[in-house]
C-alpha atoms as a PDB file:
ATOM      1  CA  MET A   1      -7.502  16.425  34.392  1.00  0.00           C
ATOM      2  CA  ALA A   2      -8.310  14.453  37.533  1.00  0.00           C
ATOM      3  CA  SER A   3      -6.487  11.216  38.143  1.00  0.00           C
ATOM      4  CA  ARG A   4      -8.342   7.956  38.667  1.00  0.00           C
ATOM      5  CA  THR A   5      -7.345   8.085  42.326  1.00  0.00           C
ATOM      6  CA  SER A   6      -9.250  11.324  42.896  1.00  0.00           C
ATOM      7  CA  SER A   7     -12.566   9.488  43.246  1.00  0.00           C
ATOM      8  CA  PRO A   8     -13.613   8.936  46.867  1.00  0.00           C
ATOM      9  CA  LEU A   9     -13.120   5.475  48.291  1.00  0.00           C
ATOM     10  CA  VAL A  10     -16.190   4.099  50.070  1.00  0.00           C
ATOM     11  CA  HIS A  11     -15.403   1.939  53.107  1.00  0.00           C
ATOM     12  CA  PRO A  12     -18.268   0.889  55.363  1.00  0.00           C
ATOM     13  CA  ASP A  13     -17.869   1.296  59.113  1.00  0.00           C
ATOM     14  CA  MET A  14     -17.704  -1.897  61.117  1.00  0.00           C
ATOM     15  CA  ASP A  15     -21.321  -1.340  62.213  1.00  0.00           C
ATOM     16  CA  GLY A  16     -22.274  -1.177  58.539  1.00  0.00           C
ATOM     17  CA  PHE A  17     -20.889  -4.609  57.690  1.00  0.00           C
ATOM     18  CA  ASP A  18     -23.587  -6.766  56.117  1.00  0.00           C
ATOM     19  CA  LEU A  19     -22.873 -10.494  56.352  1.00  0.00           C
ATOM     20  CA  PHE A  20     -24.828 -11.261  53.185  1.00  0.00           C
ATOM     21  CA  LYS A  21     -23.027  -8.558  51.200  1.00  0.00           C
ATOM     22  CA  ILE A  22     -19.671  -9.893  52.432  1.00  0.00           C
ATOM     23  CA  MET A  23     -20.550 -13.482  51.561  1.00  0.00           C
ATOM     24  CA  SER A  24     -21.871 -12.411  48.167  1.00  0.00           C
ATOM     25  CA  ALA A  25     -18.588 -10.603  47.471  1.00  0.00           C
ATOM     26  CA  LEU A  26     -16.663 -13.758  48.333  1.00  0.00           C
ATOM     27  CA  THR A  27     -18.604 -16.061  45.987  1.00  0.00           C
ATOM     28  CA  ASP A  28     -16.599 -14.915  42.966  1.00  0.00           C
ATOM     29  CA  GLU A  29     -13.378 -16.889  42.381  1.00  0.00           C
ATOM     30  CA  THR A  30     -11.348 -13.824  41.372  1.00  0.00           C
ATOM     31  CA  ARG A  31     -12.437 -11.902  44.484  1.00  0.00           C
ATOM     32  CA  LEU A  32     -11.750 -14.918  46.693  1.00  0.00           C
ATOM     33  CA  THR A  33      -8.278 -15.166  45.157  1.00  0.00           C
ATOM     34  CA  ILE A  34      -7.684 -11.477  45.929  1.00  0.00           C
ATOM     35  CA  VAL A  35      -8.686 -12.073  49.567  1.00  0.00           C
ATOM     36  CA  VAL A  36      -6.460 -15.146  49.891  1.00  0.00           C
ATOM     37  CA  THR A  37      -3.565 -13.207  48.365  1.00  0.00           C
ATOM     38  CA  LEU A  38      -4.056 -10.255  50.725  1.00  0.00           C
ATOM     39  CA  ALA A  39      -4.225 -12.603  53.719  1.00  0.00           C
ATOM     40  CA  ALA A  40      -0.795 -13.956  52.756  1.00  0.00           C
ATOM     41  CA  SER A  41       0.717 -10.629  51.603  1.00  0.00           C
ATOM     42  CA  PRO A  42      -1.001  -7.518  53.017  1.00  0.00           C
ATOM     43  CA  GLY A  43      -0.487  -4.109  51.461  1.00  0.00           C
ATOM     44  CA  LEU A  44      -0.417  -5.014  47.783  1.00  0.00           C
ATOM     45  CA  ALA A  45      -0.939  -2.507  45.008  1.00  0.00           C
ATOM     46  CA  CYS A  46      -3.719  -3.175  42.513  1.00  0.00           C
ATOM     47  CA  ASN A  47      -1.259  -3.284  39.628  1.00  0.00           C
ATOM     48  CA  GLY A  48       0.752  -6.021  41.353  1.00  0.00           C
ATOM     49  CA  PHE A  49      -1.925  -8.677  40.960  1.00  0.00           C
ATOM     50  CA  THR A  50      -1.785 -11.235  38.190  1.00  0.00           C
ATOM     51  CA  GLN A  51      -4.381 -10.119  35.749  1.00  0.00           C
ATOM     52  CA  ASP A  52      -6.232 -13.012  34.160  1.00  0.00           C
ATOM     53  CA  VAL A  53      -8.978 -10.442  33.551  1.00  0.00           C
ATOM     54  CA  THR A  54      -8.902  -6.917  32.120  1.00  0.00           C
ATOM     55  CA  ALA A  55      -7.874  -4.012  34.357  1.00  0.00           C
ATOM     56  CA  SER A  56     -11.410  -2.634  34.383  1.00  0.00           C
ATOM     57  CA  VAL A  57     -12.864  -5.970  35.518  1.00  0.00           C
ATOM     58  CA  LEU A  58     -10.197  -6.272  38.218  1.00  0.00           C
ATOM     59  CA  THR A  59     -11.034  -2.725  39.371  1.00  0.00           C
ATOM     60  CA  ARG A  60     -14.679  -3.747  39.728  1.00  0.00           C
ATOM     61  CA  HIS A  61     -13.691  -6.776  41.828  1.00  0.00           C
ATOM     62  CA  PHE A  62     -11.695  -4.504  44.159  1.00  0.00           C
ATOM     63  CA  ARG A  63     -14.656  -2.107  44.409  1.00  0.00           C
ATOM     64  CA  VAL A  64     -17.078  -4.918  45.328  1.00  0.00           C
ATOM     65  CA  LEU A  65     -14.723  -6.161  48.048  1.00  0.00           C
ATOM     66  CA  ARG A  66     -14.110  -2.624  49.354  1.00  0.00           C
ATOM     67  CA  GLU A  67     -17.782  -1.643  49.442  1.00  0.00           C
ATOM     68  CA  ALA A  68     -18.648  -4.904  51.229  1.00  0.00           C
ATOM     69  CA  GLY A  69     -16.021  -4.062  53.852  1.00  0.00           C
ATOM     70  CA  VAL A  70     -13.705  -6.978  53.097  1.00  0.00           C
ATOM     71  CA  ILE A  71     -10.724  -4.846  52.046  1.00  0.00           C
ATOM     72  CA  ARG A  72      -9.457  -1.336  52.688  1.00  0.00           C
ATOM     73  CA  GLN A  73      -7.829   0.667  49.906  1.00  0.00           C
ATOM     74  CA  HIS A  74      -5.657   3.757  50.118  1.00  0.00           C
ATOM     75  CA  ASP A  75      -3.766   5.757  47.537  1.00  0.00           C
ATOM     76  CA  ILE A  76      -0.109   6.656  47.556  1.00  0.00           C
ATOM     77  CA  GLY A  77       0.698   8.758  44.535  1.00  0.00           C
ATOM     78  CA  THR A  78      -0.869   7.055  41.546  1.00  0.00           C
ATOM     79  CA  ARG A  79      -0.918   3.597  43.119  1.00  0.00           C
ATOM     80  CA  ARG A  80      -3.806   2.103  45.077  1.00  0.00           C
ATOM     81  CA  PHE A  81      -2.892  -0.301  47.883  1.00  0.00           C
ATOM     82  CA  ASN A  82      -5.092  -2.978  49.426  1.00  0.00           C
ATOM     83  CA  THR A  83      -5.300  -4.614  52.833  1.00  0.00           C
ATOM     84  CA  LEU A  84      -7.670  -7.220  54.207  1.00  0.00           C
ATOM     85  CA  ARG A  85      -9.854  -5.856  57.041  1.00  0.00           C
ATOM     86  CA  LYS A  86      -9.404  -9.074  59.016  1.00  0.00           C
ATOM     87  CA  GLU A  87      -9.258  -7.551  62.501  1.00  0.00           C
ATOM     88  CA  GLU A  88     -12.438  -5.518  61.951  1.00  0.00           C
ATOM     89  CA  LEU A  89     -14.232  -8.458  60.347  1.00  0.00           C
ATOM     90  CA  ASP A  90     -13.158 -10.705  63.244  1.00  0.00           C
ATOM     91  CA  GLN A  91     -14.625  -8.219  65.730  1.00  0.00           C
ATOM     92  CA  ARG A  92     -17.955  -8.108  63.883  1.00  0.00           C
ATOM     93  CA  PHE A  93     -18.103 -11.734  62.682  1.00  0.00           C
ATOM     94  CA  PRO A  94     -15.634 -13.795  64.771  1.00  0.00           C
ATOM     95  CA  GLY A  95     -13.868 -16.512  62.798  1.00  0.00           C
ATOM     96  CA  LEU A  96     -15.506 -15.677  59.456  1.00  0.00           C
ATOM     97  CA  ILE A  97     -12.348 -14.804  57.534  1.00  0.00           C
ATOM     98  CA  ASP A  98     -10.418 -17.716  59.071  1.00  0.00           C
ATOM     99  CA  LEU A  99     -13.189 -20.040  57.902  1.00  0.00           C
ATOM    100  CA  VAL A 100     -13.214 -18.495  54.421  1.00  0.00           C
ATOM    101  CA  LEU A 101      -9.431 -18.854  54.156  1.00  0.00           C
ATOM    102  CA  LYS A 102      -9.560 -22.447  55.425  1.00  0.00           C
ATOM    103  CA  GLU A 103     -12.310 -23.390  52.973  1.00  0.00           C
ATOM    104  CA  SER A 104     -10.485 -21.709  50.073  1.00  0.00           C
ATOM    105  CA  VAL A 105      -7.555 -24.142  50.302  1.00  0.00           C
ATOM    106  CA  GLY A 106      -7.602 -26.222  47.135  1.00  0.00           C
ATOM    107  CA  ARG A 107     -10.167 -23.922  45.490  1.00  0.00           C
ATOM    108  CA  VAL A 108      -7.963 -20.932  44.735  1.00  0.00           C
ATOM    109  CA  THR A 109      -4.251 -20.215  44.758  1.00  0.00           C
ATOM    110  CA  PRO A 110      -2.872 -16.853  45.877  1.00  0.00           C
ATOM    111  CA  TYR A 111      -1.330 -14.737  43.172  1.00  0.00           C
ATOM    112  CA  THR A 112       2.418 -15.327  43.274  1.00  0.00           C
ATOM    113  CA  ASN A 113       3.835 -12.363  41.405  1.00  0.00           C
ATOM    114  CA  ALA A 114       2.066  -9.719  43.466  1.00  0.00           C
ATOM    115  CA  GLU A 115       4.166  -6.724  44.488  1.00  0.00           C
ATOM    116  CA  SER A 116       3.924  -5.323  48.022  1.00  0.00           C
ATOM    117  CA  ALA A 117       4.229  -1.696  49.119  1.00  0.00           C
END
């Protein structure tokens, strides 16, 4: 039986970043909270995030962020780790993530019990 981590992870190249897809991904409060958390604590495993939603819904949020190019995911064993693609996003859209993080203050709070790698 194949593990859940055997499915290929789709990450767009920097040239494939679509500003509207990125902004659409960031309109959801849960996804914005994930981004804010990763900005403060890079390299977190999916299972380390506070889950105020079901695991399957959280998985979908990670997929939307990954496919938009906002985060990068990689597997180590059975755990999937996440990092914010800030440097790449800054090269393509200078200042975008800094602005998003600045504007998120007071809107969302980073998850506090997240576990890092």
